[in-house]
PDB file of N, CA and C in Angstrom:
ATOM      1  N   MET A   1     111.895 131.229  93.353  1.00  0.00           N
ATOM      2  CA  MET A   1     112.978 130.249  94.030  1.00  0.00           C
ATOM      3  C   MET A   1     112.719 130.533  95.107  1.00  0.00           C
ATOM      4  N   LYS A   2     112.640 131.564  95.986  1.00  0.00           N
ATOM      5  CA  LYS A   2     113.203 132.038  97.604  1.00  0.00           C
ATOM      6  C   LYS A   2     111.770 131.089  97.947  1.00  0.00           C
ATOM      7  N   ASN A   3     110.669 131.227  97.622  1.00  0.00           N
ATOM      8  CA  ASN A   3     109.113 130.707  98.155  1.00  0.00           C
ATOM      9  C   ASN A   3     109.798 128.869  98.670  1.00  0.00           C
ATOM     10  N   PHE A   4     110.113 128.289  97.157  1.00  0.00           N
ATOM     11  CA  PHE A   4     110.160 126.994  96.722  1.00  0.00           C
ATOM     12  C   PHE A   4     111.404 126.552  98.287  1.00  0.00           C
ATOM     13  N   LEU A   5     112.796 127.421  98.439  1.00  0.00           N
ATOM     14  CA  LEU A   5     112.893 127.521  99.805  1.00  0.00           C
ATOM     15  C   LEU A   5     112.368 127.275 100.893  1.00  0.00           C
ATOM     16  N   VAL A   6     111.998 128.429 100.948  1.00  0.00           N
ATOM     17  CA  VAL A   6     110.611 128.487 102.611  1.00  0.00           C
ATOM     18  C   VAL A   6     110.010 127.017 102.780  1.00  0.00           C
ATOM     19  N   LYS A   7     109.667 126.620 101.409  1.00  0.00           N
ATOM     20  CA  LYS A   7     108.725 125.301 101.480  1.00  0.00           C
ATOM     21  C   LYS A   7     109.736 123.958 101.972  1.00  0.00           C
ATOM     22  N   THR A   8     110.632 124.312 101.240  1.00  0.00           N
ATOM     23  CA  THR A   8     111.482 122.945 101.362  1.00  0.00           C
ATOM     24  C   THR A   8     112.079 122.660 102.955  1.00  0.00           C
ATOM     25  N   ILE A   9     112.118 124.016 103.658  1.00  0.00           N
ATOM     26  CA  ILE A   9     113.026 124.343 104.739  1.00  0.00           C
ATOM     27  C   ILE A   9     111.215 124.084 106.149  1.00  0.00           C
ATOM     28  N   ALA A  10     110.104 124.390 105.611  1.00  0.00           N
ATOM     29  CA  ALA A  10     109.389 124.458 106.128  1.00  0.00           C
ATOM     30  C   ALA A  10     109.062 122.480 106.353  1.00  0.00           C
ATOM     31  N   ASN A  11     108.986 121.653 105.221  1.00  0.00           N
ATOM     32  CA  ASN A  11     108.669 120.316 105.560  1.00  0.00           C
ATOM     33  C   ASN A  11     110.045 119.791 106.182  1.00  0.00           C
ATOM     34  N   ALA A  12     110.855 120.123 105.541  1.00  0.00           N
ATOM     35  CA  ALA A  12     111.639 120.057 106.921  1.00  0.00           C
ATOM     36  C   ALA A  12     111.868 119.665 108.248  1.00  0.00           C
ATOM     37  N   GLY A  13     111.472 121.301 108.271  1.00  0.00           N
ATOM     38  CA  GLY A  13     111.166 121.437 110.224  1.00  0.00           C
ATOM     39  C   GLY A  13     109.793 120.250 110.420  1.00  0.00           C
ATOM     40  N   ALA A  14     108.850 120.488 109.326  1.00  0.00           N
ATOM     41  CA  ALA A  14     107.881 119.469 109.921  1.00  0.00           C
ATOM     42  C   ALA A  14     108.214 118.332 110.075  1.00  0.00           C
ATOM     43  N   LEU A  15     109.079 117.754 108.863  1.00  0.00           N
ATOM     44  CA  LEU A  15     109.589 116.226 108.906  1.00  0.00           C
ATOM     45  C   LEU A  15     110.118 115.863 110.803  1.00  0.00           C
ATOM     46  N   ALA A  16     111.370 116.759 110.546  1.00  0.00           N
ATOM     47  CA  ALA A  16     112.168 116.727 111.816  1.00  0.00           C
ATOM     48  C   ALA A  16     111.555 116.572 113.471  1.00  0.00           C
ATOM     49  N   VAL A  17     110.113 117.193 113.127  1.00  0.00           N
ATOM     50  CA  VAL A  17     109.281 117.268 114.540  1.00  0.00           C
ATOM     51  C   VAL A  17     108.167 116.124 114.493  1.00  0.00           C
ATOM     52  N   ALA A  18     108.231 115.599 113.410  1.00  0.00           N
ATOM     53  CA  ALA A  18     107.531 114.120 113.422  1.00  0.00           C
ATOM     54  C   ALA A  18     108.265 113.058 113.670  1.00  0.00           C
ATOM     55  N   VAL A  19     109.679 112.828 113.169  1.00  0.00           N
ATOM     56  CA  VAL A  19     110.698 112.005 113.466  1.00  0.00           C
ATOM     57  C   VAL A  19     111.281 112.635 114.919  1.00  0.00           C
ATOM     58  N   TRP A  20     110.872 113.425 115.524  1.00  0.00           N
ATOM     59  CA  TRP A  20     111.100 113.645 117.258  1.00  0.00           C
ATOM     60  C   TRP A  20     109.757 112.881 117.716  1.00  0.00           C
ATOM     61  N   LEU A  21     108.628 113.314 117.619  1.00  0.00           N
ATOM     62  CA  LEU A  21     107.934 112.910 118.380  1.00  0.00           C
ATOM     63  C   LEU A  21     107.428 111.250 118.502  1.00  0.00           C
ATOM     64  N   LEU A  22     106.886 110.340 116.851  1.00  0.00           N
ATOM     65  CA  LEU A  22     106.733 109.021 116.790  1.00  0.00           C
ATOM     66  C   LEU A  22     108.113 108.628 116.693  1.00  0.00           C
ATOM     67  N   ASP A  23     108.126 107.147 117.621  1.00  0.00           N
ATOM     68  CA  ASP A  23     108.868 106.353 117.664  1.00  0.00           C
ATOM     69  C   ASP A  23     109.489 105.462 116.204  1.00  0.00           C
ATOM     70  N   LYS A  24     108.229 105.478 115.113  1.00  0.00           N
ATOM     71  CA  LYS A  24     108.054 104.649 114.842  1.00  0.00           C
ATOM     72  C   LYS A  24     108.160 105.513 112.977  1.00  0.00           C
ATOM     73  N   ILE A  25     108.608 106.527 112.924  1.00  0.00           N
ATOM     74  CA  ILE A  25     109.305 107.196 111.935  1.00  0.00           C
ATOM     75  C   ILE A  25     110.552 107.607 112.193  1.00  0.00           C
ATOM     76  N   THR A  26     111.398 106.569 111.282  1.00  0.00           N
ATOM     77  CA  THR A  26     112.930 106.886 111.714  1.00  0.00           C
ATOM     78  C   THR A  26     113.608 107.554 110.680  1.00  0.00           C
ATOM     79  N   LEU A  27     114.760 108.016 111.440  1.00  0.00           N
ATOM     80  CA  LEU A  27     116.067 109.321 110.328  1.00  0.00           C
ATOM     81  C   LEU A  27     116.985 108.766 111.365  1.00  0.00           C
ATOM     82  N   THR A  28     118.136 108.186 110.450  1.00  0.00           N
ATOM     83  CA  THR A  28     119.497 107.180 111.176  1.00  0.00           C
ATOM     84  C   THR A  28     120.439 108.195 110.371  1.00  0.00           C
ATOM     85  N   GLY A  29     121.365 108.764 111.065  1.00  0.00           N
ATOM     86  CA  GLY A  29     122.759 109.141 110.184  1.00  0.00           C
ATOM     87  C   GLY A  29     123.886 108.961 111.397  1.00  0.00           C
ATOM     88  N   ASP A  30     124.778 109.385 110.993  1.00  0.00           N
ATOM     89  CA  ASP A  30     126.669 109.066 111.627  1.00  0.00           C
ATOM     90  C   ASP A  30     126.682 110.443 112.337  1.00  0.00           C
ATOM     91  N   SER A  31     125.974 111.330 111.804  1.00  0.00           N
ATOM     92  CA  SER A  31     126.066 112.659 112.465  1.00  0.00           C
ATOM     93  C   SER A  31     124.925 113.548 112.343  1.00  0.00           C
ATOM     94  N   THR A  32     125.383 114.645 112.955  1.00  0.00           N
ATOM     95  CA  THR A  32     124.042 115.953 112.980  1.00  0.00           C
ATOM     96  C   THR A  32     123.727 116.229 111.561  1.00  0.00           C
ATOM     97  N   PHE A  33     125.226 116.289 111.123  1.00  0.00           N
ATOM     98  CA  PHE A  33     125.508 116.978 109.269  1.00  0.00           C
ATOM     99  C   PHE A  33     124.649 115.827 107.832  1.00  0.00           C
ATOM    100  N   LYS A  34     124.389 115.095 108.806  1.00  0.00           N
ATOM    101  CA  LYS A  34     123.988 113.679 107.823  1.00  0.00           C
ATOM    102  C   LYS A  34     122.352 113.956 108.026  1.00  0.00           C
ATOM    103  N   LYS A  35     122.332 113.780 109.080  1.00  0.00           N
ATOM    104  CA  LYS A  35     120.658 113.564 109.935  1.00  0.00           C
ATOM    105  C   LYS A  35     119.871 114.752 109.034  1.00  0.00           C
ATOM    106  N   VAL A  36     121.015 116.355 109.121  1.00  0.00           N
ATOM    107  CA  VAL A  36     119.808 117.694 108.359  1.00  0.00           C
ATOM    108  C   VAL A  36     119.936 117.355 107.331  1.00  0.00           C
ATOM    109  N   TRP A  37     120.693 116.713 105.985  1.00  0.00           N
ATOM    110  CA  TRP A  37     121.014 116.694 104.557  1.00  0.00           C
ATOM    111  C   TRP A  37     120.317 115.819 104.075  1.00  0.00           C
ATOM    112  N   THR A  38     119.880 114.615 105.001  1.00  0.00           N
ATOM    113  CA  THR A  38     119.103 113.419 104.502  1.00  0.00           C
ATOM    114  C   THR A  38     117.589 114.283 105.449  1.00  0.00           C
ATOM    115  N   LEU A  39     117.261 115.060 105.816  1.00  0.00           N
ATOM    116  CA  LEU A  39     115.791 115.494 107.063  1.00  0.00           C
ATOM    117  C   LEU A  39     115.717 116.780 104.910  1.00  0.00           C
ATOM    118  N   ILE A  40     116.500 116.833 104.434  1.00  0.00           N
ATOM    119  CA  ILE A  40     116.431 118.330 103.498  1.00  0.00           C
ATOM    120  C   ILE A  40     116.154 117.386 101.671  1.00  0.00           C
ATOM    121  N   LEU A  41     116.554 116.341 102.004  1.00  0.00           N
ATOM    122  CA  LEU A  41     116.499 115.483 100.335  1.00  0.00           C
ATOM    123  C   LEU A  41     115.274 114.596 100.642  1.00  0.00           C
ATOM    124  N   VAL A  42     114.815 114.691 101.911  1.00  0.00           N
ATOM    125  CA  VAL A  42     113.465 113.759 102.521  1.00  0.00           C
ATOM    126  C   VAL A  42     112.541 114.709 101.893  1.00  0.00           C
ATOM    127  N   ALA A  43     113.157 116.102 102.191  1.00  0.00           N
ATOM    128  CA  ALA A  43     111.604 117.328 101.835  1.00  0.00           C
ATOM    129  C   ALA A  43     111.309 117.404 101.315  1.00  0.00           C
ATOM    130  N   LEU A  44     112.443 117.354  99.892  1.00  0.00           N
ATOM    131  CA  LEU A  44     112.493 117.584  98.668  1.00  0.00           C
ATOM    132  C   LEU A  44     111.868 116.553  98.198  1.00  0.00           C
ATOM    133  N   VAL A  45     111.504 115.525  98.513  1.00  0.00           N
ATOM    134  CA  VAL A  45     111.206 114.465  97.680  1.00  0.00           C
ATOM    135  C   VAL A  45     109.592 114.925  98.141  1.00  0.00           C
ATOM    136  N   PHE A  46     109.167 114.712  99.314  1.00  0.00           N
ATOM    137  CA  PHE A  46     108.330 114.637 100.359  1.00  0.00           C
ATOM    138  C   PHE A  46     107.468 116.067  99.061  1.00  0.00           C
ATOM    139  N   GLY A  47     108.061 117.300  98.665  1.00  0.00           N
ATOM    140  CA  GLY A  47     107.581 118.147  98.279  1.00  0.00           C
ATOM    141  C   GLY A  47     107.104 117.624  96.320  1.00  0.00           C
ATOM    142  N   LEU A  48     107.889 116.900  95.880  1.00  0.00           N
ATOM    143  CA  LEU A  48     107.710 116.801  94.415  1.00  0.00           C
ATOM    144  C   LEU A  48     106.477 115.430  95.127  1.00  0.00           C
ATOM    145  N   VAL A  49     106.530 114.433  96.024  1.00  0.00           N
ATOM    146  CA  VAL A  49     105.387 114.080  95.816  1.00  0.00           C
ATOM    147  C   VAL A  49     104.118 114.244  95.689  1.00  0.00           C
ATOM    148  N   ASN A  50     104.145 115.693  97.051  1.00  0.00           N
ATOM    149  CA  ASN A  50     103.301 116.451  96.951  1.00  0.00           C
ATOM    150  C   ASN A  50     102.501 117.375  96.356  1.00  0.00           C
ATOM    151  N   PHE A  51     103.685 117.901  95.006  1.00  0.00           N
ATOM    152  CA  PHE A  51     103.153 118.731  93.780  1.00  0.00           C
ATOM    153  C   PHE A  51     102.883 118.014  92.960  1.00  0.00           C
ATOM    154  N   LEU A  52     103.609 116.250  93.013  1.00  0.00           N
ATOM    155  CA  LEU A  52     102.685 115.390  91.264  1.00  0.00           C
ATOM    156  C   LEU A  52     102.245 114.934  92.135  1.00  0.00           C
ATOM    157  N   VAL A  53     102.355 113.821  92.875  1.00  0.00           N
ATOM    158  CA  VAL A  53     100.424 112.701  93.084  1.00  0.00           C
ATOM    159  C   VAL A  53      99.576 112.900  93.729  1.00  0.00           C
ATOM    160  N   LYS A  54      99.734 114.190  94.643  1.00  0.00           N
ATOM    161  CA  LYS A  54      98.665 114.602  95.776  1.00  0.00           C
ATOM    162  C   LYS A  54      97.427 115.082  94.570  1.00  0.00           C
ATOM    163  N   PRO A  55      97.730 115.887  93.671  1.00  0.00           N
ATOM    164  CA  PRO A  55      96.462 116.412  93.396  1.00  0.00           C
ATOM    165  C   PRO A  55      95.792 115.084  92.186  1.00  0.00           C
ATOM    166  N   ILE A  56      96.462 114.773  91.870  1.00  0.00           N
ATOM    167  CA  ILE A  56      95.945 113.283  90.605  1.00  0.00           C
ATOM    168  C   ILE A  56      95.175 112.326  92.080  1.00  0.00           C
ATOM    169  N   VAL A  57      95.703 111.908  93.252  1.00  0.00           N
ATOM    170  CA  VAL A  57      95.214 111.289  94.425  1.00  0.00           C
ATOM    171  C   VAL A  57      93.465 112.061  94.803  1.00  0.00           C
ATOM    172  N   LYS A  58      94.278 113.038  94.697  1.00  0.00           N
ATOM    173  CA  LYS A  58      92.641 114.286  95.032  1.00  0.00           C
ATOM    174  C   LYS A  58      91.175 114.189  94.072  1.00  0.00           C
ATOM    175  N   VAL A  59      91.928 114.521  92.521  1.00  0.00           N
ATOM    176  CA  VAL A  59      91.092 113.802  91.814  1.00  0.00           C
ATOM    177  C   VAL A  59      90.099 112.444  91.983  1.00  0.00           C
ATOM    178  N   LEU A  60      91.159 112.062  91.545  1.00  0.00           N
ATOM    179  CA  LEU A  60      90.404 110.345  91.806  1.00  0.00           C
ATOM    180  C   LEU A  60      89.560 109.953  92.794  1.00  0.00           C
ATOM    181  N   THR A  61      90.335 110.480  94.198  1.00  0.00           N
ATOM    182  CA  THR A  61      89.091 110.229  95.295  1.00  0.00           C
ATOM    183  C   THR A  61      88.070 111.437  95.729  1.00  0.00           C
ATOM    184  N   PHE A  62      88.106 112.284  95.057  1.00  0.00           N
ATOM    185  CA  PHE A  62      86.749 113.513  94.775  1.00  0.00           C
ATOM    186  C   PHE A  62      85.551 113.001  95.771  1.00  0.00           C
ATOM    187  N   PRO A  63      84.837 111.782  95.159  1.00  0.00           N
ATOM    188  CA  PRO A  63      83.592 111.730  95.778  1.00  0.00           C
ATOM    189  C   PRO A  63      83.889 110.808  97.206  1.00  0.00           C
ATOM    190  N   LEU A  64      84.672 110.690  97.780  1.00  0.00           N
ATOM    191  CA  LEU A  64      85.220 110.374  99.031  1.00  0.00           C
ATOM    192  C   LEU A  64      85.478 111.793  99.529  1.00  0.00           C
ATOM    193  N   PHE A  65      86.039 112.202  99.279  1.00  0.00           N
ATOM    194  CA  PHE A  65      85.929 114.006  99.642  1.00  0.00           C
ATOM    195  C   PHE A  65      85.187 114.101 100.058  1.00  0.00           C
ATOM    196  N   ILE A  66      83.912 114.568  99.315  1.00  0.00           N
ATOM    197  CA  ILE A  66      82.488 114.785  99.758  1.00  0.00           C
ATOM    198  C   ILE A  66      81.399 113.951 100.725  1.00  0.00           C
ATOM    199  N   LEU A  67      81.649 112.833 100.311  1.00  0.00           N
ATOM    200  CA  LEU A  67      81.320 111.489 101.400  1.00  0.00           C
ATOM    201  C   LEU A  67      81.991 111.592 102.870  1.00  0.00           C
ATOM    202  N   THR A  68      83.265 111.852 102.900  1.00  0.00           N
ATOM    203  CA  THR A  68      83.753 111.766 104.485  1.00  0.00           C
ATOM    204  C   THR A  68      84.095 113.184 104.706  1.00  0.00           C
ATOM    205  N   LEU A  69      82.960 114.552 104.213  1.00  0.00           N
ATOM    206  CA  LEU A  69      84.055 115.813 104.585  1.00  0.00           C
ATOM    207  C   LEU A  69      85.129 116.357 104.654  1.00  0.00           C
ATOM    208  N   GLY A  70      85.952 115.525 103.975  1.00  0.00           N
ATOM    209  CA  GLY A  70      87.074 116.060 103.962  1.00  0.00           C
ATOM    210  C   GLY A  70      88.257 115.131 104.694  1.00  0.00           C
ATOM    211  N   LEU A  71      87.670 114.155 105.613  1.00  0.00           N
ATOM    212  CA  LEU A  71      88.489 113.897 106.535  1.00  0.00           C
ATOM    213  C   LEU A  71      89.483 112.255 105.801  1.00  0.00           C
ATOM    214  N   ILE A  72      88.934 112.251 104.435  1.00  0.00           N
ATOM    215  CA  ILE A  72      89.871 111.204 103.499  1.00  0.00           C
ATOM    216  C   ILE A  72      91.163 111.660 103.505  1.00  0.00           C
ATOM    217  N   THR A  73      91.313 113.729 103.426  1.00  0.00           N
ATOM    218  CA  THR A  73      92.661 114.089 103.527  1.00  0.00           C
ATOM    219  C   THR A  73      93.414 113.432 104.303  1.00  0.00           C
ATOM    220  N   LEU A  74      93.135 112.640 105.254  1.00  0.00           N
ATOM    221  CA  LEU A  74      94.363 112.191 106.742  1.00  0.00           C
ATOM    222  C   LEU A  74      94.638 111.071 105.901  1.00  0.00           C
ATOM    223  N   VAL A  75      94.297 110.405 105.160  1.00  0.00           N
ATOM    224  CA  VAL A  75      94.381 109.183 104.717  1.00  0.00           C
ATOM    225  C   VAL A  75      95.232 109.558 103.220  1.00  0.00           C
ATOM    226  N   VAL A  76      94.666 110.379 102.686  1.00  0.00           N
ATOM    227  CA  VAL A  76      95.553 111.196 101.445  1.00  0.00           C
ATOM    228  C   VAL A  76      96.812 111.569 101.923  1.00  0.00           C
ATOM    229  N   ASN A  77      96.915 111.863 103.283  1.00  0.00           N
ATOM    230  CA  ASN A  77      98.516 112.557 103.590  1.00  0.00           C
ATOM    231  C   ASN A  77      99.073 111.508 103.849  1.00  0.00           C
ATOM    232  N   ALA A  78      98.443 110.195 104.440  1.00  0.00           N
ATOM    233  CA  ALA A  78      99.119 109.271 104.961  1.00  0.00           C
ATOM    234  C   ALA A  78      99.817 108.689 103.945  1.00  0.00           C
ATOM    235  N   LEU A  79      99.334 108.266 102.869  1.00  0.00           N
ATOM    236  CA  LEU A  79      99.768 107.628 101.473  1.00  0.00           C
ATOM    237  C   LEU A  79     101.152 108.520 101.055  1.00  0.00           C
ATOM    238  N   MET A  80     100.831 109.756 100.709  1.00  0.00           N
ATOM    239  CA  MET A  80     101.221 110.676 100.203  1.00  0.00           C
ATOM    240  C   MET A  80     102.993 110.653 101.780  1.00  0.00           C
ATOM    241  N   LEU A  81     102.957 110.619 102.262  1.00  0.00           N
ATOM    242  CA  LEU A  81     103.896 109.886 103.961  1.00  0.00           C
ATOM    243  C   LEU A  81     104.065 108.967 103.866  1.00  0.00           C
ATOM    244  N   LEU A  82     103.337 107.803 102.975  1.00  0.00           N
ATOM    245  CA  LEU A  82     104.446 106.297 103.018  1.00  0.00           C
ATOM    246  C   LEU A  82     104.895 106.274 101.713  1.00  0.00           C
ATOM    247  N   LEU A  83     104.542 106.747 101.012  1.00  0.00           N
ATOM    248  CA  LEU A  83     105.348 107.121  99.213  1.00  0.00           C
ATOM    249  C   LEU A  83     106.733 107.407  99.281  1.00  0.00           C
ATOM    250  N   THR A  84     106.496 108.521  99.817  1.00  0.00           N
ATOM    251  CA  THR A  84     107.966 109.007 100.488  1.00  0.00           C
ATOM    252  C   THR A  84     109.349 108.917 101.197  1.00  0.00           C
ATOM    253  N   SER A  85     108.246 107.468 102.319  1.00  0.00           N
ATOM    254  CA  SER A  85     109.166 106.671 102.885  1.00  0.00           C
ATOM    255  C   SER A  85     109.818 105.587 101.651  1.00  0.00           C
ATOM    256  N   TRP A  86     108.948 105.320 100.971  1.00  0.00           N
ATOM    257  CA  TRP A  86     109.079 104.031 100.247  1.00  0.00           C
ATOM    258  C   TRP A  86     110.145 104.928  98.889  1.00  0.00           C
ATOM    259  N   LEU A  87     109.820 106.058  98.664  1.00  0.00           N
ATOM    260  CA  LEU A  87     110.909 106.671  97.350  1.00  0.00           C
ATOM    261  C   LEU A  87     112.571 106.841  98.163  1.00  0.00           C
ATOM    262  N   ALA A  88     112.347 107.252  99.916  1.00  0.00           N
ATOM    263  CA  ALA A  88     113.365 107.623 100.340  1.00  0.00           C
ATOM    264  C   ALA A  88     114.384 105.950 100.238  1.00  0.00           C
ATOM    265  N   ASP A  89     113.745 104.961 101.036  1.00  0.00           N
ATOM    266  CA  ASP A  89     113.901 104.095 100.242  1.00  0.00           C
ATOM    267  C   ASP A  89     114.836 103.178  99.102  1.00  0.00           C
ATOM    268  N   LYS A  90     114.342 104.091  98.214  1.00  0.00           N
ATOM    269  CA  LYS A  90     114.479 103.326  97.001  1.00  0.00           C
ATOM    270  C   LYS A  90     115.857 104.622  96.450  1.00  0.00           C
ATOM    271  N   LEU A  91     116.046 105.614  96.878  1.00  0.00           N
ATOM    272  CA  LEU A  91     117.348 106.793  97.013  1.00  0.00           C
ATOM    273  C   LEU A  91     118.321 106.586  97.732  1.00  0.00           C
ATOM    274  N   ASP A  92     117.973 105.512  99.241  1.00  0.00           N
ATOM    275  CA  ASP A  92     119.049 105.117 100.008  1.00  0.00           C
ATOM    276  C   ASP A  92     119.239 106.610 100.644  1.00  0.00           C
ATOM    277  N   LEU A  93     118.041 106.919 100.964  1.00  0.00           N
ATOM    278  CA  LEU A  93     118.276 107.840 102.299  1.00  0.00           C
ATOM    279  C   LEU A  93     117.175 107.280 103.164  1.00  0.00           C
ATOM    280  N   SER A  94     117.848 107.547 104.606  1.00  0.00           N
ATOM    281  CA  SER A  94     118.090 107.077 106.055  1.00  0.00           C
ATOM    282  C   SER A  94     116.508 107.448 106.255  1.00  0.00           C
ATOM    283  N   PHE A  95     115.355 107.366 105.965  1.00  0.00           N
ATOM    284  CA  PHE A  95     113.872 108.111 106.374  1.00  0.00           C
ATOM    285  C   PHE A  95     112.714 106.289 106.242  1.00  0.00           C
ATOM    286  N   HIS A  96     112.529 106.368 107.482  1.00  0.00           N
ATOM    287  CA  HIS A  96     111.095 104.877 107.560  1.00  0.00           C
ATOM    288  C   HIS A  96     110.140 105.488 108.179  1.00  0.00           C
ATOM    289  N   VAL A  97     109.018 105.265 107.855  1.00  0.00           N
ATOM    290  CA  VAL A  97     107.862 104.801 108.078  1.00  0.00           C
ATOM    291  C   VAL A  97     107.414 103.774 108.426  1.00  0.00           C
ATOM    292  N   ASP A  98     106.955 103.259 109.397  1.00  0.00           N
ATOM    293  CA  ASP A  98     106.917 102.111 109.650  1.00  0.00           C
ATOM    294  C   ASP A  98     104.864 101.934 110.045  1.00  0.00           C
ATOM    295  N   GLY A  99     104.244 101.544 108.905  1.00  0.00           N
ATOM    296  CA  GLY A  99     103.286 101.518 108.810  1.00  0.00           C
ATOM    297  C   GLY A  99     102.298 102.354 108.834  1.00  0.00           C
ATOM    298  N   PHE A 100     100.895 102.022 108.716  1.00  0.00           N
ATOM    299  CA  PHE A 100      99.992 102.843 108.166  1.00  0.00           C
ATOM    300  C   PHE A 100      99.598 104.425 109.185  1.00  0.00           C
ATOM    301  N   TRP A 101      98.879 103.246 110.524  1.00  0.00           N
ATOM    302  CA  TRP A 101      98.503 104.449 111.836  1.00  0.00           C
ATOM    303  C   TRP A 101      99.459 105.269 111.987  1.00  0.00           C
ATOM    304  N   THR A 102     100.991 105.386 111.848  1.00  0.00           N
ATOM    305  CA  THR A 102     102.097 106.212 112.359  1.00  0.00           C
ATOM    306  C   THR A 102     101.857 106.877 110.898  1.00  0.00           C
ATOM    307  N   ALA A 103     101.815 106.472 109.896  1.00  0.00           N
ATOM    308  CA  ALA A 103     101.910 107.566 108.228  1.00  0.00           C
ATOM    309  C   ALA A 103     100.093 108.411 108.723  1.00  0.00           C
ATOM    310  N   VAL A 104      99.406 108.537 109.546  1.00  0.00           N
ATOM    311  CA  VAL A 104      98.116 108.469 109.779  1.00  0.00           C
ATOM    312  C   VAL A 104      98.558 109.834 110.538  1.00  0.00           C
ATOM    313  N   LEU A 105      99.575 109.693 111.604  1.00  0.00           N
ATOM    314  CA  LEU A 105      99.316 110.277 113.108  1.00  0.00           C
ATOM    315  C   LEU A 105     100.818 111.578 112.511  1.00  0.00           C
ATOM    316  N   GLY A 106     102.159 111.144 111.882  1.00  0.00           N
ATOM    317  CA  GLY A 106     102.725 111.624 111.689  1.00  0.00           C
ATOM    318  C   GLY A 106     102.333 112.788 109.711  1.00  0.00           C
ATOM    319  N   GLY A 107     100.994 112.256 109.249  1.00  0.00           N
ATOM    320  CA  GLY A 107     100.524 113.184 108.193  1.00  0.00           C
ATOM    321  C   GLY A 107      99.893 114.025 108.506  1.00  0.00           C
ATOM    322  N   LEU A 108      99.766 113.999 109.972  1.00  0.00           N
ATOM    323  CA  LEU A 108      98.914 114.886 111.118  1.00  0.00           C
ATOM    324  C   LEU A 108      99.625 116.090 111.218  1.00  0.00           C
ATOM    325  N   ILE A 109     100.793 115.572 111.938  1.00  0.00           N
ATOM    326  CA  ILE A 109     101.598 116.270 112.577  1.00  0.00           C
ATOM    327  C   ILE A 109     102.242 116.859 111.501  1.00  0.00           C
ATOM    328  N   ILE A 110     102.707 116.738 110.086  1.00  0.00           N
ATOM    329  CA  ILE A 110     103.403 117.661 109.221  1.00  0.00           C
ATOM    330  C   ILE A 110     102.362 118.520 108.807  1.00  0.00           C
ATOM    331  N   SER A 111     101.575 118.058 108.797  1.00  0.00           N
ATOM    332  CA  SER A 111     100.282 119.245 108.244  1.00  0.00           C
ATOM    333  C   SER A 111     100.275 120.378 108.866  1.00  0.00           C
ATOM    334  N   VAL A 112     100.332 120.192 110.569  1.00  0.00           N
ATOM    335  CA  VAL A 112     100.137 121.517 111.812  1.00  0.00           C
ATOM    336  C   VAL A 112     101.174 122.159 111.452  1.00  0.00           C
ATOM    337  N   VAL A 113     102.320 120.699 111.938  1.00  0.00           N
ATOM    338  CA  VAL A 113     103.641 121.435 111.605  1.00  0.00           C
ATOM    339  C   VAL A 113     104.146 123.021 110.430  1.00  0.00           C
ATOM    340  N   SER A 114     103.673 122.423 109.505  1.00  0.00           N
ATOM    341  CA  SER A 114     104.116 122.773 108.125  1.00  0.00           C
ATOM    342  C   SER A 114     103.454 124.062 108.429  1.00  0.00           C
ATOM    343  N   TRP A 115     101.878 124.104 108.865  1.00  0.00           N
ATOM    344  CA  TRP A 115     101.436 125.786 108.328  1.00  0.00           C
ATOM    345  C   TRP A 115     101.810 126.402 109.214  1.00  0.00           C
ATOM    346  N   ALA A 116     101.617 125.879 110.579  1.00  0.00           N
ATOM    347  CA  ALA A 116     102.503 127.099 111.647  1.00  0.00           C
ATOM    348  C   ALA A 116     103.738 127.320 111.142  1.00  0.00           C
ATOM    349  N   LEU A 117     104.600 126.502 110.667  1.00  0.00           N
ATOM    350  CA  LEU A 117     106.628 127.117 109.851  1.00  0.00           C
ATOM    351  C   LEU A 117     105.815 128.158 108.644  1.00  0.00           C
ATOM    352  N   ASN A 118     104.958 127.833 107.785  1.00  0.00           N
ATOM    353  CA  ASN A 118     104.891 128.323 106.654  1.00  0.00           C
ATOM    354  C   ASN A 118     104.114 129.905 107.181  1.00  0.00           C
ATOM    355  N   LEU A 119     103.387 130.309 108.179  1.00  0.00           N
ATOM    356  CA  LEU A 119     102.720 130.997 108.585  1.00  0.00           C
ATOM    357  C   LEU A 119     104.270 132.336 109.430  1.00  0.00           C
ATOM    358  N   ALA A 120     104.731 131.353 110.141  1.00  0.00           N
ATOM    359  CA  ALA A 120     105.936 132.309 110.547  1.00  0.00           C
ATOM    360  C   ALA A 120     107.332 132.515 109.518  1.00  0.00           C
ATOM    361  N   LEU A 121     107.390 131.838 108.639  1.00  0.00           N
ATOM    362  CA  LEU A 121     108.882 132.054 107.838  1.00  0.00           C
ATOM    363  C   LEU A 121     108.269 133.100 106.358  1.00  0.00           C
ATOM    364  N   PRO A 122     108.445 133.608 106.167  1.00  0.00           N
ATOM    365  CA  PRO A 122     108.639 135.035 105.273  1.00  0.00           C
ATOM    366  C   PRO A 122     108.236 134.576 103.885  1.00  0.00           C
ATOM    367  N   ASP A 123     107.314 134.955 103.143  1.00  0.00           N
ATOM    368  CA  ASP A 123     106.586 134.321 102.060  1.00  0.00           C
ATOM    369  C   ASP A 123     107.935 135.239 100.602  1.00  0.00           C
ATOM    370  N   GLY A 124     108.839 134.223  99.897  1.00  0.00           N
ATOM    371  CA  GLY A 124     108.960 135.306  99.371  1.00  0.00           C
ATOM    372  C   GLY A 124     109.017 135.559  97.997  1.00  0.00           C
ATOM    373  N   ASP A 125     107.876 135.148  97.136  1.00  0.00           N
ATOM    374  CA  ASP A 125     107.061 135.239  96.219  1.00  0.00           C
ATOM    375  C   ASP A 125     106.544 136.692  96.359  1.00  0.00           C
TER     376      ASP A 125
END
């Protein structure tokens, strides 16, 4: 449970950095508390998407992983971020990613920041 909480906090931090750096990834809210709460909920959705959908997409696109020497990972991460944005809209969360190339860059930022935060934060399990 502690590991899940650490990963969710790392995802929320990585999403916050992407929102801060990219104008086309938006997070709106009345107050700072509402924005933080929305980031945590979006991080949960993002984690769920990465846990449930990403492995299926990786299996289906395995030949492309080999053919592109892993560069298709950028596209898969972008698709997971776009799916998270779509689900956030359906769940009435104020998080939006505008466009595929923004999602590619956002996915790259989220991957790097999340990796760094997971190194820095304690591992619970």
